[in-house]
Amino acid sequence: MEEHADLFVQALPPILSSVGGFFVLIFFGYGREQKQKRIMSAALLVLLVWIANVCVVMAGEKLTMFSTYITLLCLLIAVVLFSVAFYINLRVNEPSDTVMVSLFVFGVLFSTVGFVNYFAMKDRVVIAVSNELCEDTIILKRGSDGAKYSVRESGFLGEVGFVVSAHDYSKIDSISFSCPNKSEKKHSLTAFNKSSRGLGVEYVLYKDQ
């Protein structure tokens, strides 16, 4: 039951964006005489929202580690776009349909990316180390039950790490990292700095001890 709840929380942003965006474009996107254009625009927006959702989740797992900077930047851009659309709607007697729809669609897409990046961290954990701990490429391994396993790490905004589910995280007892021509160093997760990353958790090692 808890797993289904997590999936529902993760799916909330694209669902709400799809439903809200669809009906806004259907009823307010263009003039009444352009019914076909309104329906096509609404349908295309729904497809774009779900494409953005899949891309953000895949990028978060393999590339960006659901960085909070992406969430903040995308939501800030969405606020700007929606504010401009709101201002034009109030100040201009007959605003251009093309301009208003474009502002609305891009606002929906950027807000979707921001919210998906935040909510998709539900039941996920990011484990990373700072690039400053190594002058060259960092190689990570995770320890479990006395054995070490190589991980496919990602590098983004000064951190090298990987994303795991909360279930897989519970099996990890240590993290080892090595730099070229240097010995491997092993750390327990208690040495990492713990904080929130969206609805999930991050463990980041900033200083070698």
Protein backbone atom coordinates (compact mmCIF):
# COMPACT_ATOMS: atom_id res chain seq x y z
CA MET A 1 0.00 0.00 0.00
CA GLU A 2 2.84 2.39 0.87
CA GLU A 3 4.49 1.75 -2.50
CA HIS A 4 1.26 2.65 -4.30
CA ALA A 5 1.03 5.85 -2.25
CA ASP A 6 4.59 6.81 -3.25
CA LEU A 7 3.82 6.21 -6.92
CA PHE A 8 0.69 8.34 -6.64
CA VAL A 9 2.65 11.20 -5.05
CA GLN A 10 5.28 11.01 -7.81
CA ALA A 11 2.57 11.06 -10.50
CA LEU A 12 0.71 14.06 -9.04
CA PRO A 13 2.58 16.82 -10.97
CA PRO A 14 2.03 15.45 -14.50
CA ILE A 15 -1.55 14.46 -13.68
CA LEU A 16 -2.48 17.90 -12.37
CA SER A 17 -0.60 19.70 -15.17
CA SER A 18 -2.28 17.53 -17.80
CA VAL A 19 -5.79 17.96 -16.44
CA GLY A 20 -5.44 21.67 -15.69
CA GLY A 21 -3.67 22.53 -18.93
CA PHE A 22 -6.07 20.47 -21.03
CA PHE A 23 -9.20 22.21 -19.80
CA VAL A 24 -7.65 25.69 -19.88
CA LEU A 25 -6.72 25.29 -23.55
CA ILE A 26 -10.03 23.64 -24.40
CA PHE A 27 -12.14 26.48 -23.00
CA PHE A 28 -9.86 29.54 -23.11
CA GLY A 29 -7.04 28.80 -25.57
CA TYR A 30 -8.52 30.26 -28.75
CA GLY A 31 -11.74 31.74 -30.04
CA ARG A 32 -14.88 29.64 -30.21
CA GLU A 33 -14.61 29.29 -33.98
CA GLN A 34 -11.25 27.50 -33.62
CA LYS A 35 -12.47 24.38 -31.84
CA GLN A 36 -10.16 21.98 -33.69
CA LYS A 37 -7.12 24.06 -32.89
CA ARG A 38 -8.08 24.17 -29.21
CA ILE A 39 -8.52 20.40 -29.01
CA MET A 40 -5.23 19.70 -30.78
CA SER A 41 -3.34 22.20 -28.60
CA ALA A 42 -4.78 20.68 -25.42
CA ALA A 43 -3.92 17.14 -26.54
CA LEU A 44 -0.37 18.16 -27.51
CA LEU A 45 0.12 19.83 -24.13
CA VAL A 46 -0.86 16.61 -22.33
CA LEU A 47 1.68 14.65 -24.40
CA LEU A 48 4.40 17.24 -23.76
CA VAL A 49 3.73 17.14 -20.02
CA TRP A 50 4.14 13.36 -19.85
CA ILE A 51 7.23 13.45 -22.08
CA ALA A 52 8.73 16.04 -19.74
CA ASN A 53 7.82 13.85 -16.77
CA VAL A 54 9.60 10.78 -18.16
CA CYS A 55 12.65 12.81 -19.22
CA VAL A 56 13.02 14.45 -15.79
CA VAL A 57 12.77 11.13 -13.94
CA MET A 58 15.26 9.39 -16.25
CA ALA A 59 17.66 12.33 -16.12
CA GLY A 60 17.33 12.49 -12.35
CA GLU A 61 18.26 8.84 -11.94
CA LYS A 62 21.14 8.83 -14.44
CA LEU A 63 22.45 12.41 -14.72
CA THR A 64 21.17 15.19 -12.46
CA MET A 65 20.45 13.29 -9.22
CA PHE A 66 17.29 15.40 -8.87
CA SER A 67 19.27 18.53 -8.05
CA THR A 68 17.32 21.14 -6.09
CA TYR A 69 18.81 23.81 -8.36
CA ILE A 70 16.75 22.40 -11.24
CA THR A 71 13.59 22.61 -9.13
CA LEU A 72 14.25 26.21 -8.11
CA LEU A 73 15.27 27.38 -11.59
CA CYS A 74 12.31 25.78 -13.37
CA LEU A 75 9.77 27.03 -10.85
CA LEU A 76 11.25 30.53 -11.02
CA ILE A 77 11.00 30.54 -14.83
CA ALA A 78 7.39 29.29 -14.57
CA VAL A 79 6.51 32.09 -12.15
CA VAL A 80 7.97 34.67 -14.53
CA LEU A 81 6.07 33.25 -17.52
CA PHE A 82 2.77 33.05 -15.65
CA SER A 83 3.27 36.57 -14.27
CA VAL A 84 3.85 37.97 -17.76
CA ALA A 85 0.75 36.15 -19.05
CA PHE A 86 -1.27 37.47 -16.12
CA TYR A 87 -0.03 41.03 -16.69
CA ILE A 88 -0.78 40.93 -20.43
CA ASN A 89 -4.25 39.55 -19.78
CA LEU A 90 -5.01 42.43 -17.41
CA ARG A 91 -3.41 45.29 -19.33
CA VAL A 92 -4.11 44.42 -22.98
CA ASN A 93 -7.68 44.63 -24.23
CA GLU A 94 -7.24 42.02 -26.96
CA PRO A 95 -4.10 39.98 -26.20
CA SER A 96 -2.67 37.78 -28.95
CA ASP A 97 -3.86 34.18 -28.69
CA THR A 98 -0.49 32.93 -29.87
CA VAL A 99 1.43 34.88 -27.23
CA MET A 100 -0.91 33.92 -24.39
CA VAL A 101 -1.02 30.23 -25.32
CA SER A 102 2.77 30.13 -25.72
CA LEU A 103 3.35 31.72 -22.32
CA PHE A 104 0.85 29.36 -20.73
CA VAL A 105 2.25 26.21 -22.34
CA PHE A 106 5.88 27.01 -21.49
CA GLY A 107 4.82 27.96 -17.97
CA VAL A 108 3.06 24.63 -17.56
CA LEU A 109 6.06 22.71 -18.89
CA PHE A 110 8.61 24.48 -16.67
CA SER A 111 6.40 24.16 -13.59
CA THR A 112 5.89 20.47 -14.39
CA VAL A 113 9.63 19.88 -14.65
CA GLY A 114 10.19 21.69 -11.34
CA PHE A 115 7.48 19.81 -9.48
CA VAL A 116 8.40 16.43 -10.98
CA ASN A 117 12.03 16.98 -9.99
CA TYR A 118 10.82 17.66 -6.44
CA PHE A 119 8.13 15.00 -6.04
CA ALA A 120 9.98 12.23 -7.91
CA MET A 121 12.50 12.02 -5.06
CA LYS A 122 9.80 10.41 -2.93
CA ASP A 123 11.18 7.08 -1.64
CA ARG A 124 14.56 7.80 -3.27
CA VAL A 125 17.96 8.54 -1.75
CA VAL A 126 20.90 10.39 -3.28
CA ILE A 127 24.40 9.42 -2.13
CA ALA A 128 27.19 11.67 -3.39
CA VAL A 129 30.66 13.02 -2.69
CA SER A 130 32.04 16.43 -3.51
CA ASN A 131 34.29 16.85 -6.55
CA GLU A 132 36.69 18.74 -4.28
CA LEU A 133 37.72 15.46 -2.64
CA CYS A 134 39.55 14.41 -5.79
CA GLU A 135 41.53 16.30 -8.41
CA ASP A 136 40.47 13.86 -11.11
CA THR A 137 37.69 11.35 -11.75
CA ILE A 138 36.12 9.86 -8.62
CA ILE A 139 35.21 6.17 -8.60
CA LEU A 140 32.53 5.09 -6.14
CA LYS A 141 31.68 1.71 -4.67
CA ARG A 142 29.03 0.76 -2.18
CA GLY A 143 29.50 -1.84 0.54
CA SER A 144 26.85 -4.30 1.60
CA ASP A 145 27.29 -7.32 3.89
CA GLY A 146 31.07 -7.05 3.66
CA ALA A 147 31.17 -7.01 -0.15
CA LYS A 148 31.84 -4.06 -2.46
CA TYR A 149 29.83 -3.28 -5.54
CA SER A 150 30.70 -0.82 -8.27
CA VAL A 151 28.03 1.78 -9.01
CA ARG A 152 27.26 3.78 -12.11
CA GLU A 153 27.78 7.24 -10.73
CA SER A 154 26.69 10.58 -12.15
CA GLY A 155 28.46 13.93 -11.96
CA PHE A 156 26.44 17.12 -11.66
CA LEU A 157 27.10 20.57 -10.18
CA GLY A 158 30.18 19.63 -8.19
CA GLU A 159 28.95 16.27 -6.91
CA VAL A 160 29.51 12.68 -7.98
CA GLY A 161 27.00 10.13 -6.80
CA PHE A 162 24.06 7.89 -7.55
CA VAL A 163 20.37 7.48 -6.78
CA VAL A 164 18.89 4.45 -5.03
CA SER A 165 15.48 3.52 -3.68
CA ALA A 166 14.91 3.71 0.06
CA HIS A 167 14.76 -0.11 0.11
CA ASP A 168 18.18 -0.47 -1.57
CA TYR A 169 19.62 2.25 0.66
CA SER A 170 18.80 0.20 3.76
CA LYS A 171 21.18 -2.51 2.50
CA ILE A 172 24.17 -0.15 2.14
CA ASP A 173 26.54 0.00 5.11
CA SER A 174 29.48 1.94 3.62
CA ILE A 175 30.65 3.96 0.63
CA SER A 176 34.18 3.78 -0.79
CA PHE A 177 35.70 6.24 -3.22
CA SER A 178 39.05 6.34 -4.92
CA CYS A 179 41.01 8.83 -6.99
CA PRO A 180 43.57 7.90 -9.67
CA ASN A 181 46.94 6.87 -8.19
CA LYS A 182 45.57 7.05 -4.63
CA SER A 183 44.39 4.45 -2.17
CA GLU A 184 40.71 3.73 -1.77
CA LYS A 185 38.96 5.32 1.20
CA LYS A 186 35.96 3.83 2.96
CA HIS A 187 33.34 5.77 4.89
CA SER A 188 30.23 4.78 6.78
CA LEU A 189 27.11 6.72 5.90
CA THR A 190 27.22 8.40 9.31
CA ALA A 191 30.14 10.45 7.97
CA PHE A 192 27.93 11.93 5.25
CA ASN A 193 25.92 15.11 5.64
CA LYS A 194 22.22 14.27 5.63
CA SER A 195 19.55 16.65 4.36
CA SER A 196 16.42 16.69 2.24
CA ARG A 197 16.40 16.70 -1.55
CA GLY A 198 12.86 17.26 -2.73
CA LEU A 199 10.67 14.68 -1.01
CA GLY A 200 13.66 12.39 -0.66
CA VAL A 201 16.93 12.40 1.26
CA GLU A 202 20.52 13.16 0.30
CA TYR A 203 23.76 11.99 1.87
CA VAL A 204 26.72 14.06 0.68
CA LEU A 205 30.36 13.87 1.78
CA TYR A 206 31.99 17.29 1.51
CA LYS A 207 35.12 16.75 3.56
CA ASP A 208 37.41 13.73 3.76
CA GLN A 209 38.01 12.69 7.35
